[in-house]
Amino acid sequence: MIELLVVISIIVILASLGMAQYRNSVVRAREAVLKEDLFRMRDAIDQYYADKNKYPASLDDLVSDGYLREIPIDPITQSKDTWQPVNAEANVNDTTAMPGIYDVKSGAEAAALDGTRYADWD
């Protein structure tokens, strides 16, 4: 009976360690997807600016003009609507021009495994 108790205890300990590793790997995968999505959207914004000499007015402009197939889902918040666009500064020489979006950030309030906030990632 004691041997069975020891074996079951060892199995429970190993399973607990495995679950912790699994959870961390899921978070690391989501963080990798977030980094890739941010890179792709920022690249699309740069391409838009290079082609049209102005920043897009919204993220939807990137989709409608063919720079992105669709706005990706933020892997942390699980929503397309939580992306936080960062507006460019207004042009002092042309007051009629709309500033547009020159960067995008995640709308997630949580912190990454390295301790930084997702919303602060560059």
N, C-alpha and C. Protein backbone atom coordinates (compact mmCIF):
# COMPACT_ATOMS: atom_id res chain seq x y z
N MET A 1 0.81 -1.19 0.00
CA MET A 1 0.00 0.00 0.00
C MET A 1 0.86 1.26 0.00
N ILE A 2 1.92 1.26 0.77
CA ILE A 2 2.82 2.41 0.83
C ILE A 2 3.52 2.61 -0.51
N GLU A 3 3.90 1.51 -1.15
CA GLU A 3 4.56 1.60 -2.45
C GLU A 3 3.61 2.25 -3.48
N LEU A 4 2.38 1.87 -3.43
CA LEU A 4 1.39 2.45 -4.34
C LEU A 4 1.22 3.94 -4.07
N LEU A 5 1.21 4.33 -2.83
CA LEU A 5 1.10 5.73 -2.46
C LEU A 5 2.30 6.53 -2.94
N VAL A 6 3.49 5.97 -2.84
CA VAL A 6 4.70 6.65 -3.31
C VAL A 6 4.66 6.81 -4.83
N VAL A 7 4.26 5.77 -5.54
CA VAL A 7 4.19 5.83 -7.00
C VAL A 7 3.16 6.87 -7.46
N ILE A 8 2.02 6.88 -6.82
CA ILE A 8 0.98 7.86 -7.18
C ILE A 8 1.48 9.28 -6.87
N SER A 9 2.17 9.48 -5.78
CA SER A 9 2.72 10.79 -5.44
C SER A 9 3.72 11.26 -6.50
N ILE A 10 4.57 10.37 -6.94
CA ILE A 10 5.55 10.71 -7.98
C ILE A 10 4.84 11.07 -9.28
N ILE A 11 3.82 10.34 -9.64
CA ILE A 11 3.07 10.62 -10.87
C ILE A 11 2.39 11.99 -10.77
N VAL A 12 1.82 12.31 -9.62
CA VAL A 12 1.17 13.60 -9.43
C VAL A 12 2.18 14.73 -9.53
N ILE A 13 3.35 14.57 -8.96
CA ILE A 13 4.38 15.60 -9.02
C ILE A 13 4.84 15.81 -10.45
N LEU A 14 5.07 14.74 -11.18
CA LEU A 14 5.50 14.86 -12.58
C LEU A 14 4.41 15.48 -13.45
N ALA A 15 3.16 15.14 -13.19
CA ALA A 15 2.06 15.73 -13.95
C ALA A 15 1.94 17.22 -13.66
N SER A 16 2.16 17.62 -12.42
CA SER A 16 2.11 19.04 -12.07
C SER A 16 3.21 19.82 -12.78
N LEU A 17 4.40 19.25 -12.82
CA LEU A 17 5.49 19.91 -13.53
C LEU A 17 5.19 20.01 -15.03
N GLY A 18 4.61 18.97 -15.58
CA GLY A 18 4.26 18.98 -17.00
C GLY A 18 3.21 20.03 -17.32
N MET A 19 2.22 20.19 -16.47
CA MET A 19 1.18 21.19 -16.70
C MET A 19 1.74 22.61 -16.64
N ALA A 20 2.66 22.86 -15.72
CA ALA A 20 3.27 24.19 -15.63
C ALA A 20 4.06 24.49 -16.90
N GLN A 21 4.80 23.53 -17.40
CA GLN A 21 5.55 23.71 -18.65
C GLN A 21 4.60 23.94 -19.82
N TYR A 22 3.52 23.22 -19.85
CA TYR A 22 2.54 23.36 -20.93
C TYR A 22 1.95 24.76 -20.93
N ARG A 23 1.56 25.26 -19.78
CA ARG A 23 0.98 26.60 -19.69
C ARG A 23 1.97 27.66 -20.15
N ASN A 24 3.22 27.53 -19.74
CA ASN A 24 4.24 28.48 -20.18
C ASN A 24 4.46 28.41 -21.68
N SER A 25 4.41 27.23 -22.25
CA SER A 25 4.62 27.11 -23.69
C SER A 25 3.46 27.73 -24.47
N VAL A 26 2.25 27.65 -23.95
CA VAL A 26 1.10 28.29 -24.59
C VAL A 26 1.26 29.81 -24.56
N VAL A 27 1.69 30.34 -23.44
CA VAL A 27 1.90 31.79 -23.32
C VAL A 27 3.03 32.23 -24.24
N ARG A 28 4.11 31.48 -24.30
CA ARG A 28 5.22 31.82 -25.19
C ARG A 28 4.78 31.80 -26.65
N ALA A 29 3.92 30.85 -27.02
CA ALA A 29 3.42 30.78 -28.39
C ALA A 29 2.56 32.01 -28.71
N ARG A 30 1.71 32.41 -27.78
CA ARG A 30 0.88 33.60 -28.00
C ARG A 30 1.75 34.86 -28.12
N GLU A 31 2.79 34.94 -27.31
CA GLU A 31 3.69 36.08 -27.39
C GLU A 31 4.41 36.11 -28.73
N ALA A 32 4.80 34.97 -29.24
CA ALA A 32 5.46 34.91 -30.55
C ALA A 32 4.51 35.35 -31.66
N VAL A 33 3.26 34.93 -31.58
CA VAL A 33 2.27 35.34 -32.57
C VAL A 33 2.03 36.85 -32.48
N LEU A 34 1.97 37.39 -31.28
CA LEU A 34 1.78 38.83 -31.10
C LEU A 34 2.94 39.60 -31.73
N LYS A 35 4.16 39.17 -31.49
CA LYS A 35 5.33 39.84 -32.08
C LYS A 35 5.26 39.80 -33.61
N GLU A 36 4.89 38.68 -34.16
CA GLU A 36 4.78 38.54 -35.61
C GLU A 36 3.66 39.43 -36.16
N ASP A 37 2.51 39.46 -35.50
CA ASP A 37 1.39 40.30 -35.95
C ASP A 37 1.77 41.77 -35.91
N LEU A 38 2.42 42.20 -34.84
CA LEU A 38 2.85 43.59 -34.75
C LEU A 38 3.83 43.93 -35.86
N PHE A 39 4.78 43.02 -36.13
CA PHE A 39 5.75 43.25 -37.20
C PHE A 39 5.05 43.38 -38.55
N ARG A 40 4.11 42.49 -38.84
CA ARG A 40 3.41 42.50 -40.14
C ARG A 40 2.55 43.75 -40.31
N MET A 41 1.84 44.15 -39.25
CA MET A 41 1.00 45.34 -39.37
C MET A 41 1.85 46.60 -39.51
N ARG A 42 2.95 46.67 -38.78
CA ARG A 42 3.83 47.82 -38.89
C ARG A 42 4.48 47.88 -40.27
N ASP A 43 4.82 46.72 -40.81
CA ASP A 43 5.38 46.65 -42.15
C ASP A 43 4.35 47.11 -43.18
N ALA A 44 3.10 46.72 -43.01
CA ALA A 44 2.03 47.13 -43.92
C ALA A 44 1.82 48.65 -43.84
N ILE A 45 1.90 49.21 -42.64
CA ILE A 45 1.76 50.67 -42.48
C ILE A 45 2.90 51.37 -43.20
N ASP A 46 4.12 50.86 -43.07
CA ASP A 46 5.27 51.45 -43.76
C ASP A 46 5.12 51.36 -45.27
N GLN A 47 4.64 50.23 -45.77
CA GLN A 47 4.44 50.08 -47.21
C GLN A 47 3.35 51.04 -47.70
N TYR A 48 2.29 51.18 -46.94
CA TYR A 48 1.21 52.12 -47.28
C TYR A 48 1.77 53.54 -47.39
N TYR A 49 2.58 53.91 -46.40
CA TYR A 49 3.16 55.26 -46.41
C TYR A 49 4.10 55.44 -47.60
N ALA A 50 4.90 54.42 -47.90
CA ALA A 50 5.83 54.51 -49.02
C ALA A 50 5.08 54.63 -50.35
N ASP A 51 3.96 53.96 -50.50
CA ASP A 51 3.19 54.00 -51.74
C ASP A 51 2.37 55.28 -51.89
N LYS A 52 1.75 55.73 -50.81
CA LYS A 52 0.78 56.82 -50.90
C LYS A 52 1.26 58.13 -50.28
N ASN A 53 2.43 58.10 -49.67
CA ASN A 53 3.02 59.28 -49.02
C ASN A 53 2.10 59.87 -47.95
N LYS A 54 1.33 59.02 -47.32
CA LYS A 54 0.50 59.40 -46.17
C LYS A 54 0.23 58.13 -45.38
N TYR A 55 -0.07 58.32 -44.11
CA TYR A 55 -0.38 57.18 -43.26
C TYR A 55 -1.86 56.81 -43.41
N PRO A 56 -2.20 55.54 -43.18
CA PRO A 56 -3.61 55.15 -43.28
C PRO A 56 -4.43 55.80 -42.17
N ALA A 57 -5.68 56.13 -42.49
CA ALA A 57 -6.55 56.75 -41.50
C ALA A 57 -7.00 55.74 -40.44
N SER A 58 -7.06 54.47 -40.81
CA SER A 58 -7.45 53.42 -39.86
C SER A 58 -6.80 52.11 -40.30
N LEU A 59 -6.87 51.13 -39.42
CA LEU A 59 -6.34 49.82 -39.77
C LEU A 59 -7.16 49.17 -40.89
N ASP A 60 -8.43 49.52 -40.96
CA ASP A 60 -9.28 48.98 -42.03
C ASP A 60 -8.82 49.43 -43.41
N ASP A 61 -8.17 50.59 -43.50
CA ASP A 61 -7.64 51.04 -44.79
C ASP A 61 -6.56 50.10 -45.31
N LEU A 62 -5.81 49.49 -44.40
CA LEU A 62 -4.78 48.53 -44.82
C LEU A 62 -5.42 47.31 -45.47
N VAL A 63 -6.58 46.91 -44.98
CA VAL A 63 -7.29 45.76 -45.54
C VAL A 63 -7.94 46.14 -46.86
N SER A 64 -8.64 47.28 -46.87
CA SER A 64 -9.38 47.66 -48.09
C SER A 64 -8.45 47.98 -49.25
N ASP A 65 -7.23 48.44 -48.97
CA ASP A 65 -6.28 48.74 -50.03
C ASP A 65 -5.34 47.57 -50.35
N GLY A 66 -5.53 46.43 -49.70
CA GLY A 66 -4.80 45.22 -50.05
C GLY A 66 -3.45 45.05 -49.39
N TYR A 67 -3.15 45.81 -48.36
CA TYR A 67 -1.87 45.65 -47.68
C TYR A 67 -1.92 44.52 -46.65
N LEU A 68 -3.11 44.22 -46.15
CA LEU A 68 -3.35 43.07 -45.27
C LEU A 68 -4.59 42.35 -45.78
N ARG A 69 -4.62 41.04 -45.61
CA ARG A 69 -5.84 40.30 -45.98
C ARG A 69 -6.96 40.58 -44.99
N GLU A 70 -6.59 40.62 -43.72
CA GLU A 70 -7.54 40.97 -42.67
C GLU A 70 -6.75 41.43 -41.46
N ILE A 71 -7.41 42.16 -40.60
CA ILE A 71 -6.77 42.58 -39.36
C ILE A 71 -6.65 41.35 -38.48
N PRO A 72 -5.44 41.04 -38.02
CA PRO A 72 -5.28 39.83 -37.21
C PRO A 72 -5.94 39.95 -35.85
N ILE A 73 -6.23 38.83 -35.28
CA ILE A 73 -6.78 38.78 -33.92
C ILE A 73 -5.61 38.90 -32.94
N ASP A 74 -5.74 39.79 -31.99
CA ASP A 74 -4.73 39.93 -30.96
C ASP A 74 -4.72 38.63 -30.15
N PRO A 75 -3.61 37.89 -30.15
CA PRO A 75 -3.61 36.58 -29.48
C PRO A 75 -3.74 36.66 -27.96
N ILE A 76 -3.49 37.80 -27.39
CA ILE A 76 -3.59 37.95 -25.94
C ILE A 76 -5.03 38.26 -25.54
N THR A 77 -5.67 39.20 -26.24
CA THR A 77 -7.04 39.59 -25.90
C THR A 77 -8.08 38.79 -26.67
N GLN A 78 -7.65 38.05 -27.68
CA GLN A 78 -8.55 37.24 -28.52
C GLN A 78 -9.60 38.09 -29.23
N SER A 79 -9.22 39.30 -29.67
CA SER A 79 -10.16 40.18 -30.34
C SER A 79 -9.43 41.03 -31.39
N LYS A 80 -10.12 41.35 -32.48
CA LYS A 80 -9.57 42.25 -33.50
C LYS A 80 -9.73 43.70 -33.10
N ASP A 81 -10.64 43.97 -32.18
CA ASP A 81 -11.01 45.34 -31.86
C ASP A 81 -10.14 45.98 -30.77
N THR A 82 -9.20 45.25 -30.21
CA THR A 82 -8.42 45.79 -29.10
C THR A 82 -7.10 46.40 -29.54
N TRP A 83 -6.76 46.36 -30.82
CA TRP A 83 -5.52 46.99 -31.28
C TRP A 83 -5.60 48.49 -31.00
N GLN A 84 -4.50 49.04 -30.53
CA GLN A 84 -4.44 50.46 -30.20
C GLN A 84 -3.59 51.18 -31.24
N PRO A 85 -4.23 51.88 -32.19
CA PRO A 85 -3.44 52.61 -33.19
C PRO A 85 -2.79 53.84 -32.55
N VAL A 86 -1.58 54.16 -33.02
CA VAL A 86 -0.86 55.34 -32.56
C VAL A 86 -0.85 56.33 -33.72
N ASN A 87 -1.45 57.48 -33.51
CA ASN A 87 -1.55 58.48 -34.57
C ASN A 87 -0.24 59.22 -34.76
N ALA A 88 0.04 59.56 -36.02
CA ALA A 88 1.21 60.35 -36.35
C ALA A 88 0.98 61.80 -35.94
N GLU A 89 2.04 62.53 -35.79
CA GLU A 89 1.91 63.95 -35.47
C GLU A 89 1.41 64.68 -36.70
N ALA A 90 0.64 65.71 -36.49
CA ALA A 90 0.09 66.49 -37.58
C ALA A 90 1.20 67.25 -38.30
N ASN A 91 1.06 67.39 -39.59
CA ASN A 91 2.02 68.13 -40.42
C ASN A 91 1.75 69.62 -40.26
N VAL A 92 2.74 70.36 -39.79
CA VAL A 92 2.55 71.80 -39.56
C VAL A 92 2.45 72.56 -40.88
N ASN A 93 2.98 72.01 -41.96
CA ASN A 93 2.93 72.68 -43.26
C ASN A 93 1.60 72.48 -43.96
N ASP A 94 0.89 71.39 -43.64
CA ASP A 94 -0.38 71.09 -44.29
C ASP A 94 -1.41 70.80 -43.20
N THR A 95 -2.16 71.82 -42.82
CA THR A 95 -3.11 71.68 -41.72
C THR A 95 -4.37 70.91 -42.12
N THR A 96 -4.61 70.74 -43.42
CA THR A 96 -5.80 70.02 -43.87
C THR A 96 -5.59 68.52 -43.92
N ALA A 97 -4.34 68.07 -43.87
CA ALA A 97 -4.03 66.63 -43.97
C ALA A 97 -4.34 65.93 -42.66
N MET A 98 -4.94 64.76 -42.77
CA MET A 98 -5.20 63.93 -41.59
C MET A 98 -3.89 63.25 -41.19
N PRO A 99 -3.57 63.20 -39.89
CA PRO A 99 -2.29 62.62 -39.48
C PRO A 99 -2.17 61.13 -39.79
N GLY A 100 -3.19 60.34 -39.57
CA GLY A 100 -3.13 58.91 -39.85
C GLY A 100 -2.42 58.13 -38.77
N ILE A 101 -2.35 56.82 -39.00
CA ILE A 101 -1.76 55.88 -38.04
C ILE A 101 -0.35 55.53 -38.48
N TYR A 102 0.63 55.71 -37.60
CA TYR A 102 1.99 55.33 -37.96
C TYR A 102 2.51 54.13 -37.15
N ASP A 103 1.74 53.70 -36.15
CA ASP A 103 2.15 52.54 -35.35
C ASP A 103 0.91 51.89 -34.76
N VAL A 104 1.07 50.67 -34.29
CA VAL A 104 -0.03 49.95 -33.65
C VAL A 104 0.53 49.19 -32.45
N LYS A 105 -0.26 49.11 -31.41
CA LYS A 105 0.13 48.41 -30.19
C LYS A 105 -0.98 47.46 -29.77
N SER A 106 -0.64 46.50 -28.94
CA SER A 106 -1.64 45.58 -28.42
C SER A 106 -2.46 46.29 -27.34
N GLY A 107 -3.72 45.94 -27.27
CA GLY A 107 -4.59 46.52 -26.24
C GLY A 107 -4.60 45.72 -24.96
N ALA A 108 -3.76 44.71 -24.86
CA ALA A 108 -3.72 43.87 -23.67
C ALA A 108 -3.08 44.61 -22.51
N GLU A 109 -3.70 44.52 -21.36
CA GLU A 109 -3.19 45.17 -20.15
C GLU A 109 -2.24 44.26 -19.36
N ALA A 110 -2.16 43.01 -19.74
CA ALA A 110 -1.37 42.04 -18.99
C ALA A 110 0.14 42.24 -19.24
N ALA A 111 0.92 41.55 -18.44
CA ALA A 111 2.37 41.57 -18.59
C ALA A 111 2.85 40.26 -19.21
N ALA A 112 3.91 40.37 -19.98
CA ALA A 112 4.50 39.20 -20.64
C ALA A 112 5.32 38.39 -19.63
N LEU A 113 5.81 37.26 -20.08
CA LEU A 113 6.62 36.41 -19.21
C LEU A 113 7.91 37.12 -18.78
N ASP A 114 8.40 38.05 -19.61
CA ASP A 114 9.63 38.77 -19.26
C ASP A 114 9.36 39.99 -18.37
N GLY A 115 8.08 40.25 -18.02
CA GLY A 115 7.73 41.32 -17.11
C GLY A 115 7.30 42.61 -17.78
N THR A 116 7.51 42.74 -19.09
CA THR A 116 7.08 43.95 -19.79
C THR A 116 5.59 43.86 -20.13
N ARG A 117 4.95 45.01 -20.28
CA ARG A 117 3.54 45.03 -20.68
C ARG A 117 3.44 44.79 -22.17
N TYR A 118 2.42 44.04 -22.58
CA TYR A 118 2.21 43.80 -24.01
C TYR A 118 1.96 45.10 -24.76
N ALA A 119 1.30 46.04 -24.13
CA ALA A 119 0.97 47.30 -24.77
C ALA A 119 2.21 48.15 -25.02
N ASP A 120 3.33 47.84 -24.37
CA ASP A 120 4.56 48.62 -24.54
C ASP A 120 5.53 48.01 -25.55
N TRP A 121 5.17 46.88 -26.14
CA TRP A 121 6.10 46.21 -27.06
C TRP A 121 6.30 47.04 -28.31
N ASP A 122 7.56 47.13 -28.71
CA ASP A 122 7.89 47.83 -29.97
C ASP A 122 8.21 46.84 -31.06
